[in-house]
Amino acid sequence: MEMSLSAQTLASFAKEVAKYPADQKQSAVMACLTILQEEHGFVSAESEKLVADYLGMAPIAVHEVTTFYNMYNQRPVGKYKLNVCTNLPCQLRDGAKALHHLERRLGITMGETTADGLFTLQQSECLGACADSPVMLVNDLTMCSFMSNDKLDQLIDGLQSAEAKQP
């Protein structure tokens, strides 16, 4: 079954494209990818092609954006995507230890998703909070700072507890 853009998606794309001069509509590529990811949970190769066609771009140019930025998921991810910064400043302040603690705690390795579909663990490049390291980003929206093993355990316990209370 071939994927197509809904009228709502096309309207959202048009709103983003309208923010740029007519000859620079490709500047809306990140916004269009974000819209599709919000709708589908990830950006597939087919989604990239739809964005490329809409914006008049080469599909490889859209793929380059998708693969460059950590916020775009190229496959389905867990409900909670945990991006742990492992860039040098965070490495010097236990970023790798935080990542390894989460791997042990969740029983997965970086890049994997837990069997229950709750958590996907990823490493991240600089999150711009070096003084607060180790840092992580939850679902590309919530920055967590000074993530000691105890704080990591509290985060995981809290998210699991919240899920257990869901109907």
N, C-alpha and C. Protein backbone atom coordinates (compact mmCIF):
# COMPACT_ATOMS: atom_id res chain seq x y z
N MET A 1 0.84 -1.18 0.00
CA MET A 1 0.00 0.00 0.00
C MET A 1 0.89 1.24 0.00
N GLU A 2 0.65 2.11 -0.93
CA GLU A 2 1.47 3.32 -1.05
C GLU A 2 0.98 4.38 -0.09
N MET A 3 1.91 5.02 0.56
CA MET A 3 1.62 6.07 1.52
C MET A 3 1.32 7.37 0.78
N SER A 4 0.38 8.14 1.30
CA SER A 4 0.09 9.45 0.71
C SER A 4 -0.11 10.45 1.85
N LEU A 5 -0.09 11.70 1.49
CA LEU A 5 -0.25 12.76 2.47
C LEU A 5 -1.71 13.12 2.61
N SER A 6 -2.20 13.18 3.85
CA SER A 6 -3.59 13.56 4.11
C SER A 6 -3.77 15.06 3.85
N ALA A 7 -5.01 15.47 3.74
CA ALA A 7 -5.31 16.90 3.55
C ALA A 7 -4.79 17.71 4.74
N GLN A 8 -4.91 17.15 5.93
CA GLN A 8 -4.41 17.84 7.13
C GLN A 8 -2.89 17.99 7.08
N THR A 9 -2.21 16.93 6.65
CA THR A 9 -0.75 17.00 6.55
C THR A 9 -0.33 18.01 5.49
N LEU A 10 -1.01 17.99 4.35
CA LEU A 10 -0.70 18.96 3.29
C LEU A 10 -0.91 20.39 3.79
N ALA A 11 -1.96 20.61 4.57
CA ALA A 11 -2.21 21.95 5.12
C ALA A 11 -1.10 22.35 6.09
N SER A 12 -0.64 21.39 6.90
CA SER A 12 0.46 21.66 7.83
C SER A 12 1.75 21.97 7.08
N PHE A 13 2.02 21.19 6.04
CA PHE A 13 3.20 21.45 5.21
C PHE A 13 3.12 22.85 4.60
N ALA A 14 1.96 23.20 4.04
CA ALA A 14 1.79 24.51 3.39
C ALA A 14 2.03 25.64 4.39
N LYS A 15 1.56 25.47 5.61
CA LYS A 15 1.76 26.48 6.65
C LYS A 15 3.25 26.68 6.92
N GLU A 16 4.01 25.58 6.96
CA GLU A 16 5.45 25.69 7.20
C GLU A 16 6.17 26.30 6.00
N VAL A 17 5.82 25.88 4.80
CA VAL A 17 6.45 26.40 3.59
C VAL A 17 6.20 27.90 3.44
N ALA A 18 5.03 28.35 3.88
CA ALA A 18 4.66 29.77 3.76
C ALA A 18 5.57 30.67 4.59
N LYS A 19 6.31 30.12 5.50
CA LYS A 19 7.22 30.91 6.34
C LYS A 19 8.48 31.34 5.59
N TYR A 20 8.68 30.80 4.39
CA TYR A 20 9.91 31.05 3.63
C TYR A 20 9.59 31.65 2.27
N PRO A 21 10.55 32.35 1.68
CA PRO A 21 10.35 32.85 0.31
C PRO A 21 10.05 31.66 -0.63
N ALA A 22 9.27 31.91 -1.67
CA ALA A 22 8.82 30.84 -2.57
C ALA A 22 9.98 30.02 -3.13
N ASP A 23 11.10 30.66 -3.40
CA ASP A 23 12.23 29.93 -3.98
C ASP A 23 13.08 29.21 -2.92
N GLN A 24 12.65 29.27 -1.65
CA GLN A 24 13.40 28.61 -0.57
C GLN A 24 12.51 27.67 0.25
N LYS A 25 11.52 27.08 -0.40
CA LYS A 25 10.59 26.22 0.33
C LYS A 25 11.28 25.00 0.95
N GLN A 26 12.44 24.62 0.43
CA GLN A 26 13.17 23.49 0.99
C GLN A 26 13.61 23.75 2.44
N SER A 27 13.59 25.02 2.83
CA SER A 27 13.94 25.37 4.21
C SER A 27 12.96 24.77 5.21
N ALA A 28 11.80 24.33 4.75
CA ALA A 28 10.79 23.73 5.62
C ALA A 28 10.99 22.23 5.80
N VAL A 29 12.10 21.69 5.32
CA VAL A 29 12.29 20.24 5.37
C VAL A 29 12.22 19.68 6.79
N MET A 30 12.84 20.35 7.74
CA MET A 30 12.84 19.83 9.11
C MET A 30 11.44 19.87 9.70
N ALA A 31 10.71 20.93 9.45
CA ALA A 31 9.35 21.03 9.95
C ALA A 31 8.46 19.94 9.34
N CYS A 32 8.61 19.70 8.06
CA CYS A 32 7.80 18.67 7.39
C CYS A 32 8.13 17.28 7.92
N LEU A 33 9.40 17.01 8.14
CA LEU A 33 9.80 15.72 8.72
C LEU A 33 9.22 15.56 10.13
N THR A 34 9.24 16.63 10.89
CA THR A 34 8.69 16.59 12.25
C THR A 34 7.19 16.31 12.23
N ILE A 35 6.49 16.93 11.30
CA ILE A 35 5.04 16.69 11.17
C ILE A 35 4.77 15.22 10.89
N LEU A 36 5.50 14.64 9.95
CA LEU A 36 5.29 13.23 9.63
C LEU A 36 5.67 12.32 10.79
N GLN A 37 6.74 12.66 11.50
CA GLN A 37 7.12 11.84 12.64
C GLN A 37 6.06 11.90 13.73
N GLU A 38 5.49 13.07 13.97
CA GLU A 38 4.42 13.19 14.98
C GLU A 38 3.21 12.34 14.59
N GLU A 39 2.94 12.24 13.31
CA GLU A 39 1.79 11.45 12.85
C GLU A 39 2.06 9.95 12.90
N HIS A 40 3.28 9.53 12.56
CA HIS A 40 3.56 8.10 12.38
C HIS A 40 4.52 7.51 13.42
N GLY A 41 5.15 8.36 14.23
CA GLY A 41 6.08 7.87 15.24
C GLY A 41 7.52 7.76 14.77
N PHE A 42 7.71 7.77 13.47
CA PHE A 42 9.06 7.72 12.91
C PHE A 42 8.99 8.20 11.46
N VAL A 43 10.17 8.41 10.86
CA VAL A 43 10.25 8.88 9.48
C VAL A 43 10.78 7.72 8.63
N SER A 44 9.92 7.16 7.84
CA SER A 44 10.31 6.05 6.96
C SER A 44 10.94 6.59 5.68
N ALA A 45 11.54 5.70 4.92
CA ALA A 45 12.09 6.09 3.62
C ALA A 45 10.98 6.61 2.72
N GLU A 46 9.80 6.02 2.84
CA GLU A 46 8.66 6.48 2.04
C GLU A 46 8.24 7.89 2.45
N SER A 47 8.28 8.17 3.75
CA SER A 47 7.97 9.53 4.23
C SER A 47 8.97 10.53 3.70
N GLU A 48 10.24 10.15 3.71
CA GLU A 48 11.28 11.04 3.17
C GLU A 48 11.00 11.37 1.72
N LYS A 49 10.58 10.37 0.95
CA LYS A 49 10.29 10.59 -0.47
C LYS A 49 9.12 11.55 -0.64
N LEU A 50 8.09 11.40 0.19
CA LEU A 50 6.95 12.31 0.11
C LEU A 50 7.36 13.75 0.40
N VAL A 51 8.21 13.93 1.40
CA VAL A 51 8.70 15.27 1.73
C VAL A 51 9.54 15.81 0.57
N ALA A 52 10.41 14.97 0.03
CA ALA A 52 11.25 15.39 -1.10
C ALA A 52 10.39 15.83 -2.28
N ASP A 53 9.39 15.04 -2.62
CA ASP A 53 8.50 15.39 -3.74
C ASP A 53 7.77 16.70 -3.46
N TYR A 54 7.27 16.85 -2.26
CA TYR A 54 6.51 18.05 -1.91
C TYR A 54 7.37 19.31 -1.99
N LEU A 55 8.61 19.19 -1.53
CA LEU A 55 9.49 20.36 -1.47
C LEU A 55 10.37 20.53 -2.71
N GLY A 56 10.29 19.59 -3.65
CA GLY A 56 11.11 19.68 -4.85
C GLY A 56 12.58 19.43 -4.56
N MET A 57 12.85 18.47 -3.70
CA MET A 57 14.22 18.15 -3.31
C MET A 57 14.57 16.74 -3.78
N ALA A 58 15.86 16.49 -3.87
CA ALA A 58 16.31 15.13 -4.13
C ALA A 58 16.05 14.31 -2.86
N PRO A 59 15.56 13.08 -3.01
CA PRO A 59 15.31 12.25 -1.82
C PRO A 59 16.55 12.08 -0.93
N ILE A 60 17.72 12.02 -1.52
CA ILE A 60 18.93 11.86 -0.71
C ILE A 60 19.16 13.09 0.17
N ALA A 61 18.78 14.27 -0.29
CA ALA A 61 18.94 15.48 0.51
C ALA A 61 18.05 15.44 1.75
N VAL A 62 16.86 14.90 1.61
CA VAL A 62 15.96 14.74 2.76
C VAL A 62 16.52 13.67 3.69
N HIS A 63 17.00 12.59 3.12
CA HIS A 63 17.58 11.50 3.92
C HIS A 63 18.79 12.00 4.73
N GLU A 64 19.58 12.88 4.14
CA GLU A 64 20.72 13.45 4.86
C GLU A 64 20.27 14.20 6.11
N VAL A 65 19.15 14.91 6.01
CA VAL A 65 18.62 15.64 7.18
C VAL A 65 18.14 14.64 8.23
N THR A 66 17.39 13.64 7.78
CA THR A 66 16.85 12.65 8.70
C THR A 66 17.96 11.92 9.46
N THR A 67 19.03 11.59 8.77
CA THR A 67 20.10 10.83 9.41
C THR A 67 21.07 11.71 10.20
N PHE A 68 21.10 13.00 9.91
CA PHE A 68 22.02 13.89 10.63
C PHE A 68 21.50 14.22 12.03
N TYR A 69 20.21 14.47 12.14
CA TYR A 69 19.62 14.91 13.41
C TYR A 69 19.09 13.73 14.21
N ASN A 70 19.46 13.70 15.47
CA ASN A 70 19.08 12.62 16.38
C ASN A 70 17.59 12.59 16.70
N MET A 71 16.89 13.69 16.46
CA MET A 71 15.48 13.75 16.83
C MET A 71 14.57 13.01 15.86
N TYR A 72 15.10 12.65 14.70
CA TYR A 72 14.28 11.91 13.74
C TYR A 72 14.52 10.42 13.92
N ASN A 73 13.45 9.70 14.15
CA ASN A 73 13.51 8.25 14.31
C ASN A 73 13.33 7.62 12.95
N GLN A 74 14.25 6.75 12.56
CA GLN A 74 14.17 6.11 11.25
C GLN A 74 13.47 4.76 11.32
N ARG A 75 13.09 4.38 12.52
CA ARG A 75 12.30 3.16 12.72
C ARG A 75 11.48 3.39 13.98
N PRO A 76 10.47 2.56 14.22
CA PRO A 76 9.67 2.75 15.43
C PRO A 76 10.53 2.70 16.69
N VAL A 77 10.17 3.51 17.66
CA VAL A 77 10.90 3.56 18.93
C VAL A 77 9.91 3.35 20.07
N GLY A 78 10.45 3.17 21.28
CA GLY A 78 9.62 2.99 22.45
C GLY A 78 8.86 4.26 22.79
N LYS A 79 7.93 4.11 23.71
CA LYS A 79 7.13 5.26 24.16
C LYS A 79 8.03 6.35 24.74
N TYR A 80 9.11 5.92 25.40
CA TYR A 80 10.06 6.86 25.98
C TYR A 80 11.42 6.67 25.31
N LYS A 81 11.82 7.67 24.55
CA LYS A 81 13.12 7.64 23.89
C LYS A 81 14.10 8.39 24.78
N LEU A 82 15.12 7.67 25.24
CA LEU A 82 16.10 8.23 26.16
C LEU A 82 17.40 8.46 25.40
N ASN A 83 17.75 9.72 25.21
CA ASN A 83 19.00 10.09 24.53
C ASN A 83 19.99 10.56 25.58
N VAL A 84 21.05 9.80 25.76
CA VAL A 84 22.08 10.13 26.74
C VAL A 84 23.24 10.78 26.00
N CYS A 85 23.65 11.96 26.47
CA CYS A 85 24.76 12.65 25.83
C CYS A 85 26.06 11.93 26.15
N THR A 86 26.80 11.59 25.10
CA THR A 86 28.10 10.93 25.27
C THR A 86 29.21 11.73 24.59
N ASN A 87 28.97 13.01 24.34
CA ASN A 87 29.99 13.87 23.78
C ASN A 87 31.08 14.08 24.84
N LEU A 88 32.24 14.56 24.43
CA LEU A 88 33.41 14.61 25.30
C LEU A 88 33.16 15.26 26.66
N PRO A 89 32.57 16.46 26.75
CA PRO A 89 32.38 17.04 28.09
C PRO A 89 31.54 16.14 29.00
N CYS A 90 30.50 15.51 28.44
CA CYS A 90 29.70 14.59 29.26
C CYS A 90 30.48 13.31 29.56
N GLN A 91 31.30 12.86 28.63
CA GLN A 91 32.13 11.68 28.87
C GLN A 91 33.03 11.92 30.08
N LEU A 92 33.56 13.10 30.16
CA LEU A 92 34.47 13.44 31.26
C LEU A 92 33.73 13.54 32.59
N ARG A 93 32.41 13.64 32.53
CA ARG A 93 31.60 13.75 33.74
C ARG A 93 30.56 12.63 33.80
N ASP A 94 30.96 11.43 33.44
CA ASP A 94 30.19 10.20 33.63
C ASP A 94 29.03 9.97 32.65
N GLY A 95 29.07 10.58 31.49
CA GLY A 95 28.04 10.33 30.48
C GLY A 95 28.01 8.87 30.05
N ALA A 96 29.17 8.28 29.82
CA ALA A 96 29.21 6.87 29.40
C ALA A 96 28.74 5.97 30.53
N LYS A 97 29.08 6.32 31.77
CA LYS A 97 28.61 5.53 32.91
C LYS A 97 27.09 5.56 32.99
N ALA A 98 26.50 6.72 32.73
CA ALA A 98 25.03 6.83 32.75
C ALA A 98 24.42 5.94 31.68
N LEU A 99 24.99 5.97 30.49
CA LEU A 99 24.49 5.13 29.40
C LEU A 99 24.59 3.65 29.78
N HIS A 100 25.73 3.23 30.32
CA HIS A 100 25.92 1.83 30.69
C HIS A 100 25.00 1.42 31.84
N HIS A 101 24.75 2.35 32.76
CA HIS A 101 23.81 2.05 33.84
C HIS A 101 22.41 1.78 33.28
N LEU A 102 21.99 2.61 32.34
CA LEU A 102 20.66 2.42 31.73
C LEU A 102 20.62 1.12 30.93
N GLU A 103 21.70 0.79 30.25
CA GLU A 103 21.72 -0.47 29.51
C GLU A 103 21.51 -1.66 30.46
N ARG A 104 22.22 -1.64 31.59
CA ARG A 104 22.06 -2.73 32.57
C ARG A 104 20.66 -2.72 33.16
N ARG A 105 20.18 -1.53 33.52
CA ARG A 105 18.87 -1.41 34.18
C ARG A 105 17.73 -1.87 33.26
N LEU A 106 17.81 -1.49 31.99
CA LEU A 106 16.74 -1.80 31.05
C LEU A 106 16.93 -3.14 30.34
N GLY A 107 18.13 -3.70 30.43
CA GLY A 107 18.40 -4.98 29.79
C GLY A 107 18.50 -4.89 28.27
N ILE A 108 18.91 -3.73 27.79
CA ILE A 108 19.09 -3.51 26.35
C ILE A 108 20.41 -2.79 26.14
N THR A 109 20.85 -2.76 24.89
CA THR A 109 22.04 -1.98 24.57
C THR A 109 21.62 -0.74 23.79
N MET A 110 22.54 0.19 23.69
CA MET A 110 22.25 1.42 22.99
C MET A 110 21.69 1.12 21.59
N GLY A 111 20.61 1.82 21.25
CA GLY A 111 19.97 1.63 19.95
C GLY A 111 18.83 0.64 19.98
N GLU A 112 18.64 -0.04 21.09
CA GLU A 112 17.58 -1.05 21.19
C GLU A 112 16.37 -0.51 21.95
N THR A 113 15.28 -1.25 21.83
CA THR A 113 14.02 -0.94 22.51
C THR A 113 13.68 -2.12 23.42
N THR A 114 13.18 -1.81 24.61
CA THR A 114 12.79 -2.88 25.54
C THR A 114 11.66 -3.70 24.94
N ALA A 115 11.57 -4.95 25.36
CA ALA A 115 10.56 -5.88 24.82
C ALA A 115 9.14 -5.37 25.03
N ASP A 116 8.91 -4.61 26.11
CA ASP A 116 7.57 -4.09 26.37
C ASP A 116 7.25 -2.83 25.55
N GLY A 117 8.23 -2.38 24.76
CA GLY A 117 8.02 -1.21 23.91
C GLY A 117 8.04 0.12 24.64
N LEU A 118 8.44 0.11 25.90
CA LEU A 118 8.43 1.36 26.67
C LEU A 118 9.64 2.24 26.42
N PHE A 119 10.83 1.66 26.37
CA PHE A 119 12.05 2.46 26.33
C PHE A 119 12.93 2.14 25.13
N THR A 120 13.40 3.19 24.47
CA THR A 120 14.45 3.08 23.47
C THR A 120 15.62 3.88 24.00
N LEU A 121 16.79 3.30 23.98
CA LEU A 121 17.99 3.94 24.52
C LEU A 121 18.91 4.33 23.38
N GLN A 122 19.29 5.59 23.35
CA GLN A 122 20.18 6.09 22.30
C GLN A 122 21.25 6.97 22.92
N GLN A 123 22.39 7.03 22.23
CA GLN A 123 23.38 8.02 22.62
C GLN A 123 23.12 9.27 21.79
N SER A 124 23.58 10.37 22.28
CA SER A 124 23.32 11.64 21.62
C SER A 124 24.60 12.45 21.58
N GLU A 125 24.71 13.27 20.57
CA GLU A 125 25.79 14.24 20.56
C GLU A 125 25.41 15.38 21.49
N CYS A 126 26.17 16.40 21.54
CA CYS A 126 26.02 17.49 22.51
C CYS A 126 24.57 17.99 22.60
N LEU A 127 24.10 18.03 23.83
CA LEU A 127 22.76 18.56 24.10
C LEU A 127 22.82 19.99 24.62
N GLY A 128 24.03 20.56 24.65
CA GLY A 128 24.18 21.97 25.01
C GLY A 128 24.05 22.26 26.49
N ALA A 129 24.26 21.27 27.33
CA ALA A 129 24.15 21.47 28.77
C ALA A 129 25.36 20.85 29.47
N CYS A 130 26.54 21.13 28.95
CA CYS A 130 27.77 20.48 29.42
C CYS A 130 27.99 20.65 30.92
N ALA A 131 27.65 21.81 31.46
CA ALA A 131 27.87 22.06 32.88
C ALA A 131 26.96 21.23 33.76
N ASP A 132 25.90 20.66 33.18
CA ASP A 132 24.92 19.87 33.93
C ASP A 132 25.12 18.37 33.75
N SER A 133 26.20 17.95 33.13
CA SER A 133 26.36 16.55 32.78
C SER A 133 26.54 15.67 34.01
N PRO A 134 26.19 14.38 33.83
CA PRO A 134 25.64 13.80 32.61
C PRO A 134 24.18 14.23 32.39
N VAL A 135 23.86 14.46 31.11
CA VAL A 135 22.53 14.92 30.75
C VAL A 135 21.89 13.94 29.76
N MET A 136 20.56 13.99 29.74
CA MET A 136 19.83 13.18 28.77
C MET A 136 18.57 13.92 28.37
N LEU A 137 18.05 13.53 27.24
CA LEU A 137 16.84 14.12 26.70
C LEU A 137 15.81 13.02 26.57
N VAL A 138 14.63 13.24 27.14
CA VAL A 138 13.56 12.26 27.08
C VAL A 138 12.55 12.72 26.04
N ASN A 139 12.31 11.86 25.05
CA ASN A 139 11.36 12.13 23.96
C ASN A 139 11.62 13.45 23.24
N ASP A 140 12.87 13.79 23.12
CA ASP A 140 13.30 14.98 22.39
C ASP A 140 12.75 16.28 22.98
N LEU A 141 12.19 16.22 24.19
CA LEU A 141 11.56 17.41 24.77
C LEU A 141 12.03 17.76 26.17
N THR A 142 12.29 16.78 27.01
CA THR A 142 12.56 17.03 28.41
C THR A 142 14.03 16.76 28.73
N MET A 143 14.74 17.82 29.11
CA MET A 143 16.15 17.71 29.47
C MET A 143 16.27 17.30 30.94
N CYS A 144 17.07 16.30 31.21
CA CYS A 144 17.33 15.84 32.57
C CYS A 144 18.82 16.04 32.84
N SER A 145 19.14 16.72 33.93
CA SER A 145 20.52 17.09 34.23
C SER A 145 21.04 16.36 35.46
N PHE A 146 22.37 16.30 35.57
CA PHE A 146 23.05 15.71 36.72
C PHE A 146 22.53 14.30 36.98
N MET A 147 22.48 13.47 35.95
CA MET A 147 21.83 12.16 36.03
C MET A 147 22.74 11.09 36.64
N SER A 148 22.77 11.10 37.96
CA SER A 148 23.48 10.05 38.71
C SER A 148 22.71 8.74 38.52
N ASN A 149 23.31 7.64 38.94
CA ASN A 149 22.61 6.36 38.86
C ASN A 149 21.30 6.39 39.64
N ASP A 150 21.31 7.04 40.81
CA ASP A 150 20.07 7.14 41.60
C ASP A 150 19.00 7.92 40.86
N LYS A 151 19.37 9.03 40.22
CA LYS A 151 18.39 9.82 39.48
C LYS A 151 17.89 9.07 38.24
N LEU A 152 18.78 8.31 37.61
CA LEU A 152 18.36 7.49 36.46
C LEU A 152 17.35 6.44 36.91
N ASP A 153 17.62 5.80 38.04
CA ASP A 153 16.69 4.80 38.57
C ASP A 153 15.34 5.44 38.93
N GLN A 154 15.38 6.62 39.52
CA GLN A 154 14.13 7.31 39.86
C GLN A 154 13.32 7.63 38.60
N LEU A 155 14.00 8.07 37.55
CA LEU A 155 13.32 8.37 36.29
C LEU A 155 12.65 7.13 35.72
N ILE A 156 13.40 6.04 35.63
CA ILE A 156 12.85 4.79 35.08
C ILE A 156 11.71 4.29 35.95
N ASP A 157 11.89 4.29 37.28
CA ASP A 157 10.84 3.85 38.19
C ASP A 157 9.58 4.70 38.03
N GLY A 158 9.76 6.01 37.90
CA GLY A 158 8.62 6.91 37.75
C GLY A 158 7.86 6.67 36.45
N LEU A 159 8.58 6.48 35.36
CA LEU A 159 7.93 6.24 34.08
C LEU A 159 7.22 4.88 34.07
N GLN A 160 7.86 3.88 34.66
CA GLN A 160 7.22 2.56 34.73
C GLN A 160 5.99 2.59 35.63
N SER A 161 6.07 3.32 36.71
CA SER A 161 4.94 3.45 37.62
C SER A 161 3.77 4.16 36.95
N ALA A 162 4.08 5.21 36.20
CA ALA A 162 3.03 5.94 35.48
C ALA A 162 2.34 5.04 34.46
N GLU A 163 3.12 4.19 33.81
CA GLU A 163 2.55 3.26 32.82
C GLU A 163 1.66 2.22 33.49
N ALA A 164 2.07 1.75 34.67
CA ALA A 164 1.29 0.74 35.38
C ALA A 164 -0.07 1.28 35.81
N LYS A 165 -0.16 2.60 36.00
CA LYS A 165 -1.41 3.22 36.42
C LYS A 165 -2.34 3.54 35.26
N GLN A 166 -1.83 3.42 34.04
CA GLN A 166 -2.65 3.70 32.85
C GLN A 166 -3.71 2.60 32.70
N PRO A 167 -4.93 2.96 32.30
CA PRO A 167 -5.96 1.93 32.11
C PRO A 167 -5.68 1.04 30.92
